């Protein structure tokens, strides 16, 4: 089975921290955090809160950057940055 995915959006970073803590407590060793556009900052904040507040041994195992194409209502295409980070205990 694959790694669990937490999609980071606009909500407060502590919601995503709670989701990650829950997954780690269930026995997961690795989690993928994914964020697009302006939410990338929130993803990084989530990782730092996990590392500084909960798991001092947390490692960022892998980071990948890319872009997604979003189609607007008027048909135009917009490219949005994507960050995926694999965190592990």
PDB file of N, CA and C in Angstrom:
ATOM      1  N   UNK A   1       0.836  -1.189   0.000  1.00  0.00           N
ATOM      2  CA  UNK A   1       0.000   0.000   0.000  1.00  0.00           C
ATOM      3  C   UNK A   1       0.874   1.242   0.000  1.00  0.00           C
ATOM      4  N   UNK A   2       0.378   2.331  -0.575  1.00  0.00           N
ATOM      5  CA  UNK A   2       1.143   3.566  -0.674  1.00  0.00           C
ATOM      6  C   UNK A   2       1.150   4.364   0.613  1.00  0.00           C
ATOM      7  N   UNK A   3       1.901   5.422   0.565  1.00  0.00           N
ATOM      8  CA  UNK A   3       1.973   6.320   1.721  1.00  0.00           C
ATOM      9  C   UNK A   3       0.685   7.135   1.826  1.00  0.00           C
ATOM     10  N   UNK A   4       0.259   7.443   3.057  1.00  0.00           N
ATOM     11  CA  UNK A   4      -0.925   8.296   3.211  1.00  0.00           C
ATOM     12  C   UNK A   4      -0.616   9.718   2.739  1.00  0.00           C
ATOM     13  N   UNK A   5      -1.627  10.371   2.187  1.00  0.00           N
ATOM     14  CA  UNK A   5      -1.482  11.709   1.628  1.00  0.00           C
ATOM     15  C   UNK A   5      -2.306  12.694   2.446  1.00  0.00           C
ATOM     16  N   UNK A   6      -1.668  13.814   2.833  1.00  0.00           N
ATOM     17  CA  UNK A   6      -2.371  14.915   3.486  1.00  0.00           C
ATOM     18  C   UNK A   6      -2.267  16.100   2.535  1.00  0.00           C
ATOM     19  N   UNK A   7      -3.408  16.545   2.039  1.00  0.00           N
ATOM     20  CA  UNK A   7      -3.421  17.691   1.133  1.00  0.00           C
ATOM     21  C   UNK A   7      -3.593  18.945   1.974  1.00  0.00           C
ATOM     22  N   UNK A   8      -2.592  19.813   1.930  1.00  0.00           N
ATOM     23  CA  UNK A   8      -2.591  21.030   2.739  1.00  0.00           C
ATOM     24  C   UNK A   8      -3.269  22.145   1.947  1.00  0.00           C
ATOM     25  N   UNK A   9      -4.258  22.749   2.581  1.00  0.00           N
ATOM     26  CA  UNK A   9      -5.002  23.829   1.941  1.00  0.00           C
ATOM     27  C   UNK A   9      -4.915  25.113   2.742  1.00  0.00           C
ATOM     28  N   UNK A  10      -6.048  25.811   2.815  1.00  0.00           N
ATOM     29  CA  UNK A  10      -6.082  27.137   3.448  1.00  0.00           C
ATOM     30  C   UNK A  10      -6.348  27.118   4.947  1.00  0.00           C
ATOM     31  N   UNK A  11      -6.777  25.983   5.472  1.00  0.00           N
ATOM     32  CA  UNK A  11      -7.121  25.931   6.895  1.00  0.00           C
ATOM     33  C   UNK A  11      -5.881  26.167   7.758  1.00  0.00           C
ATOM     34  N   UNK A  12      -6.114  26.372   9.040  1.00  0.00           N
ATOM     35  CA  UNK A  12      -5.030  26.589   9.983  1.00  0.00           C
ATOM     36  C   UNK A  12      -4.075  25.391   9.968  1.00  0.00           C
ATOM     37  N   UNK A  13      -2.785  25.657  10.054  1.00  0.00           N
ATOM     38  CA  UNK A  13      -1.763  24.609   9.973  1.00  0.00           C
ATOM     39  C   UNK A  13      -1.954  23.545  11.047  1.00  0.00           C
ATOM     40  N   UNK A  14      -2.494  23.908  12.197  1.00  0.00           N
ATOM     41  CA  UNK A  14      -2.681  22.919  13.271  1.00  0.00           C
ATOM     42  C   UNK A  14      -3.646  21.801  12.871  1.00  0.00           C
ATOM     43  N   UNK A  15      -4.556  22.051  11.964  1.00  0.00           N
ATOM     44  CA  UNK A  15      -5.448  20.986  11.481  1.00  0.00           C
ATOM     45  C   UNK A  15      -4.646  19.917  10.748  1.00  0.00           C
ATOM     46  N   UNK A  16      -3.670  20.344   9.958  1.00  0.00           N
ATOM     47  CA  UNK A  16      -2.847  19.395   9.206  1.00  0.00           C
ATOM     48  C   UNK A  16      -1.840  18.706  10.128  1.00  0.00           C
ATOM     49  N   UNK A  17      -1.375  19.435  11.143  1.00  0.00           N
ATOM     50  CA  UNK A  17      -0.505  18.832  12.157  1.00  0.00           C
ATOM     51  C   UNK A  17      -1.265  17.709  12.860  1.00  0.00           C
ATOM     52  N   UNK A  18      -2.509  17.976  13.242  1.00  0.00           N
ATOM     53  CA  UNK A  18      -3.331  16.973  13.908  1.00  0.00           C
ATOM     54  C   UNK A  18      -3.538  15.747  13.021  1.00  0.00           C
ATOM     55  N   UNK A  19      -3.771  15.976  11.737  1.00  0.00           N
ATOM     56  CA  UNK A  19      -3.941  14.859  10.802  1.00  0.00           C
ATOM     57  C   UNK A  19      -2.674  14.011  10.741  1.00  0.00           C
ATOM     58  N   UNK A  20      -1.518  14.655  10.706  1.00  0.00           N
ATOM     59  CA  UNK A  20      -0.241  13.931  10.644  1.00  0.00           C
ATOM     60  C   UNK A  20       0.023  13.166  11.943  1.00  0.00           C
ATOM     61  N   UNK A  21      -0.229  13.810  13.080  1.00  0.00           N
ATOM     62  CA  UNK A  21      -0.027  13.147  14.372  1.00  0.00           C
ATOM     63  C   UNK A  21      -0.920  11.911  14.457  1.00  0.00           C
ATOM     64  N   UNK A  22      -2.169  12.029  14.001  1.00  0.00           N
ATOM     65  CA  UNK A  22      -3.091  10.891  14.007  1.00  0.00           C
ATOM     66  C   UNK A  22      -2.540   9.744  13.161  1.00  0.00           C
ATOM     67  N   UNK A  23      -2.039  10.072  11.970  1.00  0.00           N
ATOM     68  CA  UNK A  23      -1.485   9.034  11.094  1.00  0.00           C
ATOM     69  C   UNK A  23      -0.246   8.388  11.715  1.00  0.00           C
ATOM     70  N   UNK A  24       0.637   9.184  12.303  1.00  0.00           N
ATOM     71  CA  UNK A  24       1.825   8.625  12.958  1.00  0.00           C
ATOM     72  C   UNK A  24       1.419   7.738  14.137  1.00  0.00           C
ATOM     73  N   UNK A  25       0.406   8.145  14.889  1.00  0.00           N
ATOM     74  CA  UNK A  25      -0.052   7.348  16.026  1.00  0.00           C
ATOM     75  C   UNK A  25      -0.698   6.030  15.593  1.00  0.00           C
ATOM     76  N   UNK A  26      -1.209   5.981  14.381  1.00  0.00           N
ATOM     77  CA  UNK A  26      -1.778   4.736  13.831  1.00  0.00           C
ATOM     78  C   UNK A  26      -0.696   3.779  13.344  1.00  0.00           C
ATOM     79  N   UNK A  27       0.551   4.235  13.383  1.00  0.00           N
ATOM     80  CA  UNK A  27       1.637   3.352  12.981  1.00  0.00           C
ATOM     81  C   UNK A  27       2.285   3.681  11.652  1.00  0.00           C
ATOM     82  N   UNK A  28       1.821   4.722  10.967  1.00  0.00           N
ATOM     83  CA  UNK A  28       2.461   5.117   9.707  1.00  0.00           C
ATOM     84  C   UNK A  28       3.865   5.628   9.996  1.00  0.00           C
ATOM     85  N   UNK A  29       4.798   5.292   9.126  1.00  0.00           N
ATOM     86  CA  UNK A  29       6.175   5.760   9.300  1.00  0.00           C
ATOM     87  C   UNK A  29       6.490   6.916   8.358  1.00  0.00           C
ATOM     88  N   UNK A  30       5.742   7.015   7.264  1.00  0.00           N
ATOM     89  CA  UNK A  30       5.949   8.084   6.276  1.00  0.00           C
ATOM     90  C   UNK A  30       4.602   8.664   5.857  1.00  0.00           C
ATOM     91  N   UNK A  31       4.593   9.972   5.624  1.00  0.00           N
ATOM     92  CA  UNK A  31       3.392  10.674   5.173  1.00  0.00           C
ATOM     93  C   UNK A  31       3.800  11.627   4.062  1.00  0.00           C
ATOM     94  N   UNK A  32       2.950  11.760   3.054  1.00  0.00           N
ATOM     95  CA  UNK A  32       3.178  12.722   1.980  1.00  0.00           C
ATOM     96  C   UNK A  32       2.301  13.942   2.240  1.00  0.00           C
ATOM     97  N   UNK A  33       2.923  15.112   2.272  1.00  0.00           N
ATOM     98  CA  UNK A  33       2.188  16.379   2.369  1.00  0.00           C
ATOM     99  C   UNK A  33       2.229  17.023   0.986  1.00  0.00           C
ATOM    100  N   UNK A  34       1.069  17.469   0.502  1.00  0.00           N
ATOM    101  CA  UNK A  34       1.005  18.067  -0.832  1.00  0.00           C
ATOM    102  C   UNK A  34       0.289  19.397  -0.740  1.00  0.00           C
ATOM    103  N   UNK A  35       0.872  20.410  -1.384  1.00  0.00           N
ATOM    104  CA  UNK A  35       0.258  21.742  -1.386  1.00  0.00           C
ATOM    105  C   UNK A  35       0.484  22.392  -2.745  1.00  0.00           C
ATOM    106  N   UNK A  36      -0.457  23.261  -3.123  1.00  0.00           N
ATOM    107  CA  UNK A  36      -0.339  23.996  -4.379  1.00  0.00           C
ATOM    108  C   UNK A  36      -0.411  25.490  -4.121  1.00  0.00           C
ATOM    109  N   UNK A  37       0.301  26.237  -4.934  1.00  0.00           N
ATOM    110  CA  UNK A  37       0.203  27.697  -4.937  1.00  0.00           C
ATOM    111  C   UNK A  37       0.504  28.343  -3.602  1.00  0.00           C
ATOM    112  N   UNK A  38      -0.410  29.183  -3.166  1.00  0.00           N
ATOM    113  CA  UNK A  38      -0.220  29.935  -1.922  1.00  0.00           C
ATOM    114  C   UNK A  38      -0.228  29.050  -0.684  1.00  0.00           C
ATOM    115  N   UNK A  39      -0.689  27.827  -0.814  1.00  0.00           N
ATOM    116  CA  UNK A  39      -0.751  26.923   0.333  1.00  0.00           C
ATOM    117  C   UNK A  39       0.585  26.256   0.635  1.00  0.00           C
ATOM    118  N   UNK A  40       1.574  26.455  -0.217  1.00  0.00           N
ATOM    119  CA  UNK A  40       2.895  25.877   0.016  1.00  0.00           C
ATOM    120  C   UNK A  40       3.476  26.403   1.333  1.00  0.00           C
ATOM    121  N   UNK A  41       3.267  27.671   1.609  1.00  0.00           N
ATOM    122  CA  UNK A  41       3.738  28.253   2.868  1.00  0.00           C
ATOM    123  C   UNK A  41       3.116  27.545   4.071  1.00  0.00           C
ATOM    124  N   UNK A  42       1.846  27.217   3.972  1.00  0.00           N
ATOM    125  CA  UNK A  42       1.147  26.524   5.054  1.00  0.00           C
ATOM    126  C   UNK A  42       1.698  25.100   5.229  1.00  0.00           C
ATOM    127  N   UNK A  43       2.105  24.482   4.141  1.00  0.00           N
ATOM    128  CA  UNK A  43       2.688  23.140   4.192  1.00  0.00           C
ATOM    129  C   UNK A  43       4.017  23.173   4.945  1.00  0.00           C
ATOM    130  N   UNK A  44       4.826  24.157   4.645  1.00  0.00           N
ATOM    131  CA  UNK A  44       6.115  24.304   5.329  1.00  0.00           C
ATOM    132  C   UNK A  44       5.896  24.601   6.808  1.00  0.00           C
ATOM    133  N   UNK A  45       4.912  25.436   7.108  1.00  0.00           N
ATOM    134  CA  UNK A  45       4.578  25.746   8.505  1.00  0.00           C
ATOM    135  C   UNK A  45       4.153  24.470   9.241  1.00  0.00           C
ATOM    136  N   UNK A  46       3.384  23.630   8.574  1.00  0.00           N
ATOM    137  CA  UNK A  46       2.943  22.366   9.162  1.00  0.00           C
ATOM    138  C   UNK A  46       4.136  21.488   9.511  1.00  0.00           C
ATOM    139  N   UNK A  47       5.076  21.368   8.588  1.00  0.00           N
ATOM    140  CA  UNK A  47       6.271  20.552   8.830  1.00  0.00           C
ATOM    141  C   UNK A  47       7.068  21.098  10.005  1.00  0.00           C
ATOM    142  N   UNK A  48       7.236  22.407  10.063  1.00  0.00           N
ATOM    143  CA  UNK A  48       8.021  23.007  11.149  1.00  0.00           C
ATOM    144  C   UNK A  48       7.319  22.837  12.496  1.00  0.00           C
ATOM    145  N   UNK A  49       5.994  22.954  12.534  1.00  0.00           N
ATOM    146  CA  UNK A  49       5.260  22.732  13.784  1.00  0.00           C
ATOM    147  C   UNK A  49       5.401  21.283  14.246  1.00  0.00           C
ATOM    148  N   UNK A  50       5.333  20.350  13.306  1.00  0.00           N
ATOM    149  CA  UNK A  50       5.515  18.941  13.664  1.00  0.00           C
ATOM    150  C   UNK A  50       6.906  18.699  14.232  1.00  0.00           C
ATOM    151  N   UNK A  51       7.911  19.263  13.584  1.00  0.00           N
ATOM    152  CA  UNK A  51       9.298  19.031  13.995  1.00  0.00           C
ATOM    153  C   UNK A  51       9.613  19.710  15.327  1.00  0.00           C
ATOM    154  N   UNK A  52       9.196  20.946  15.485  1.00  0.00           N
ATOM    155  CA  UNK A  52       9.554  21.707  16.686  1.00  0.00           C
ATOM    156  C   UNK A  52       8.653  21.406  17.879  1.00  0.00           C
ATOM    157  N   UNK A  53       7.417  20.972  17.629  1.00  0.00           N
ATOM    158  CA  UNK A  53       6.487  20.792  18.727  1.00  0.00           C
ATOM    159  C   UNK A  53       6.174  19.357  19.106  1.00  0.00           C
ATOM    160  N   UNK A  54       6.347  18.420  18.162  1.00  0.00           N
ATOM    161  CA  UNK A  54       5.885  17.064  18.418  1.00  0.00           C
ATOM    162  C   UNK A  54       6.958  15.997  18.223  1.00  0.00           C
ATOM    163  N   UNK A  55       7.660  16.063  17.111  1.00  0.00           N
ATOM    164  CA  UNK A  55       8.614  14.996  16.765  1.00  0.00           C
ATOM    165  C   UNK A  55       9.966  15.616  16.415  1.00  0.00           C
ATOM    166  N   UNK A  56      10.870  15.675  17.394  1.00  0.00           N
ATOM    167  CA  UNK A  56      12.189  16.255  17.125  1.00  0.00           C
ATOM    168  C   UNK A  56      12.999  15.388  16.160  1.00  0.00           C
ATOM    169  N   UNK A  57      12.628  14.098  16.035  1.00  0.00           N
ATOM    170  CA  UNK A  57      13.335  13.188  15.135  1.00  0.00           C
ATOM    171  C   UNK A  57      12.699  13.131  13.740  1.00  0.00           C
ATOM    172  N   UNK A  58      11.743  14.017  13.442  1.00  0.00           N
ATOM    173  CA  UNK A  58      11.082  14.046  12.142  1.00  0.00           C
ATOM    174  C   UNK A  58      12.086  14.410  11.050  1.00  0.00           C
ATOM    175  N   UNK A  59      12.021  13.669   9.953  1.00  0.00           N
ATOM    176  CA  UNK A  59      12.907  13.947   8.819  1.00  0.00           C
ATOM    177  C   UNK A  59      12.067  14.267   7.592  1.00  0.00           C
ATOM    178  N   UNK A  60      12.561  15.205   6.793  1.00  0.00           N
ATOM    179  CA  UNK A  60      11.980  15.440   5.481  1.00  0.00           C
ATOM    180  C   UNK A  60      12.791  14.561   4.537  1.00  0.00           C
ATOM    181  N   UNK A  61      12.181  13.471   4.135  1.00  0.00           N
ATOM    182  CA  UNK A  61      12.883  12.450   3.377  1.00  0.00           C
ATOM    183  C   UNK A  61      13.057  12.831   1.905  1.00  0.00           C
ATOM    184  N   UNK A  62      12.066  13.503   1.378  1.00  0.00           N
ATOM    185  CA  UNK A  62      12.060  13.795  -0.053  1.00  0.00           C
ATOM    186  C   UNK A  62      11.195  15.026  -0.300  1.00  0.00           C
ATOM    187  N   UNK A  63      11.636  15.889  -1.210  1.00  0.00           N
ATOM    188  CA  UNK A  63      10.832  17.041  -1.618  1.00  0.00           C
ATOM    189  C   UNK A  63      10.802  17.054  -3.134  1.00  0.00           C
ATOM    190  N   UNK A  64       9.616  17.206  -3.686  1.00  0.00           N
ATOM    191  CA  UNK A  64       9.525  17.339  -5.139  1.00  0.00           C
ATOM    192  C   UNK A  64       8.699  18.578  -5.465  1.00  0.00           C
ATOM    193  N   UNK A  65       9.145  19.266  -6.488  1.00  0.00           N
ATOM    194  CA  UNK A  65       8.492  20.492  -6.940  1.00  0.00           C
ATOM    195  C   UNK A  65       7.985  20.277  -8.358  1.00  0.00           C
ATOM    196  N   UNK A  66       6.882  20.899  -8.663  1.00  0.00           N
ATOM    197  CA  UNK A  66       6.335  20.786 -10.007  1.00  0.00           C
ATOM    198  C   UNK A  66       5.259  21.829 -10.210  1.00  0.00           C
ATOM    199  N   UNK A  67       4.455  21.629 -11.234  1.00  0.00           N
ATOM    200  CA  UNK A  67       3.348  22.553 -11.471  1.00  0.00           C
ATOM    201  C   UNK A  67       2.150  21.785 -12.012  1.00  0.00           C
ATOM    202  N   UNK A  68       0.979  22.306 -11.723  1.00  0.00           N
ATOM    203  CA  UNK A  68      -0.279  21.773 -12.226  1.00  0.00           C
ATOM    204  C   UNK A  68      -0.895  22.813 -13.149  1.00  0.00           C
ATOM    205  N   UNK A  69      -1.647  22.338 -14.140  1.00  0.00           N
ATOM    206  CA  UNK A  69      -2.397  23.245 -15.004  1.00  0.00           C
ATOM    207  C   UNK A  69      -3.820  23.339 -14.470  1.00  0.00           C
ATOM    208  N   UNK A  70      -4.272  24.541 -14.265  1.00  0.00           N
ATOM    209  CA  UNK A  70      -5.653  24.770 -13.848  1.00  0.00           C
ATOM    210  C   UNK A  70      -6.379  25.495 -14.970  1.00  0.00           C
ATOM    211  N   UNK A  71      -7.556  25.001 -15.312  1.00  0.00           N
ATOM    212  CA  UNK A  71      -8.368  25.669 -16.327  1.00  0.00           C
ATOM    213  C   UNK A  71      -9.337  26.605 -15.619  1.00  0.00           C
ATOM    214  N   UNK A  72      -9.304  27.852 -16.026  1.00  0.00           N
ATOM    215  CA  UNK A  72     -10.229  28.834 -15.469  1.00  0.00           C
ATOM    216  C   UNK A  72     -11.592  28.686 -16.121  1.00  0.00           C
ATOM    217  N   UNK A  73     -12.560  29.384 -15.572  1.00  0.00           N
ATOM    218  CA  UNK A  73     -13.912  29.343 -16.120  1.00  0.00           C
ATOM    219  C   UNK A  73     -13.989  29.850 -17.544  1.00  0.00           C
ATOM    220  N   UNK A  74     -13.112  30.779 -17.894  1.00  0.00           N
ATOM    221  CA  UNK A  74     -13.127  31.336 -19.254  1.00  0.00           C
ATOM    222  C   UNK A  74     -12.291  30.506 -20.239  1.00  0.00           C
ATOM    223  N   UNK A  75     -11.759  29.363 -19.775  1.00  0.00           N
ATOM    224  CA  UNK A  75     -11.022  28.476 -20.667  1.00  0.00           C
ATOM    225  C   UNK A  75      -9.517  28.666 -20.669  1.00  0.00           C
ATOM    226  N   UNK A  76      -9.048  29.737 -20.049  1.00  0.00           N
ATOM    227  CA  UNK A  76      -7.603  29.967 -20.015  1.00  0.00           C
ATOM    228  C   UNK A  76      -6.933  28.997 -19.052  1.00  0.00           C
ATOM    229  N   UNK A  77      -5.666  28.708 -19.321  1.00  0.00           N
ATOM    230  CA  UNK A  77      -4.898  27.785 -18.490  1.00  0.00           C
ATOM    231  C   UNK A  77      -3.954  28.586 -17.605  1.00  0.00           C
ATOM    232  N   UNK A  78      -3.895  28.187 -16.357  1.00  0.00           N
ATOM    233  CA  UNK A  78      -3.007  28.838 -15.390  1.00  0.00           C
ATOM    234  C   UNK A  78      -2.129  27.762 -14.766  1.00  0.00           C
ATOM    235  N   UNK A  79      -0.835  28.040 -14.635  1.00  0.00           N
ATOM    236  CA  UNK A  79       0.092  27.093 -14.023  1.00  0.00           C
ATOM    237  C   UNK A  79       0.293  27.460 -12.551  1.00  0.00           C
ATOM    238  N   UNK A  80       0.185  26.448 -11.691  1.00  0.00           N
ATOM    239  CA  UNK A  80       0.300  26.655 -10.246  1.00  0.00           C
ATOM    240  C   UNK A  80       1.391  25.736  -9.722  1.00  0.00           C
ATOM    241  N   UNK A  81       2.275  26.288  -8.891  1.00  0.00           N
ATOM    242  CA  UNK A  81       3.353  25.492  -8.304  1.00  0.00           C
ATOM    243  C   UNK A  81       2.825  24.443  -7.331  1.00  0.00           C
ATOM    244  N   UNK A  82       3.506  23.294  -7.292  1.00  0.00           N
ATOM    245  CA  UNK A  82       3.115  22.195  -6.419  1.00  0.00           C
ATOM    246  C   UNK A  82       4.345  21.742  -5.625  1.00  0.00           C
ATOM    247  N   UNK A  83       4.152  21.529  -4.331  1.00  0.00           N
ATOM    248  CA  UNK A  83       5.206  20.975  -3.479  1.00  0.00           C
ATOM    249  C   UNK A  83       4.690  19.693  -2.860  1.00  0.00           C
ATOM    250  N   UNK A  84       5.491  18.634  -2.955  1.00  0.00           N
ATOM    251  CA  UNK A  84       5.194  17.384  -2.246  1.00  0.00           C
ATOM    252  C   UNK A  84       6.375  17.059  -1.371  1.00  0.00           C
ATOM    253  N   UNK A  85       6.115  16.855  -0.097  1.00  0.00           N
ATOM    254  CA  UNK A  85       7.162  16.540   0.853  1.00  0.00           C
ATOM    255  C   UNK A  85       6.822  15.228   1.535  1.00  0.00           C
ATOM    256  N   UNK A  86       7.794  14.315   1.576  1.00  0.00           N
ATOM    257  CA  UNK A  86       7.626  13.053   2.293  1.00  0.00           C
ATOM    258  C   UNK A  86       8.303  13.230   3.648  1.00  0.00           C
ATOM    259  N   UNK A  87       7.508  13.118   4.715  1.00  0.00           N
ATOM    260  CA  UNK A  87       8.068  13.232   6.070  1.00  0.00           C
ATOM    261  C   UNK A  87       8.058  11.862   6.715  1.00  0.00           C
ATOM    262  N   UNK A  88       9.037  11.615   7.548  1.00  0.00           N
ATOM    263  CA  UNK A  88       9.176  10.284   8.150  1.00  0.00           C
ATOM    264  C   UNK A  88       9.692  10.390   9.572  1.00  0.00           C
ATOM    265  N   UNK A  89       9.338   9.386  10.363  1.00  0.00           N
ATOM    266  CA  UNK A  89       9.871   9.268  11.734  1.00  0.00           C
ATOM    267  C   UNK A  89      10.997   8.258  11.734  1.00  0.00           C
TER     268      UNK A  89
END
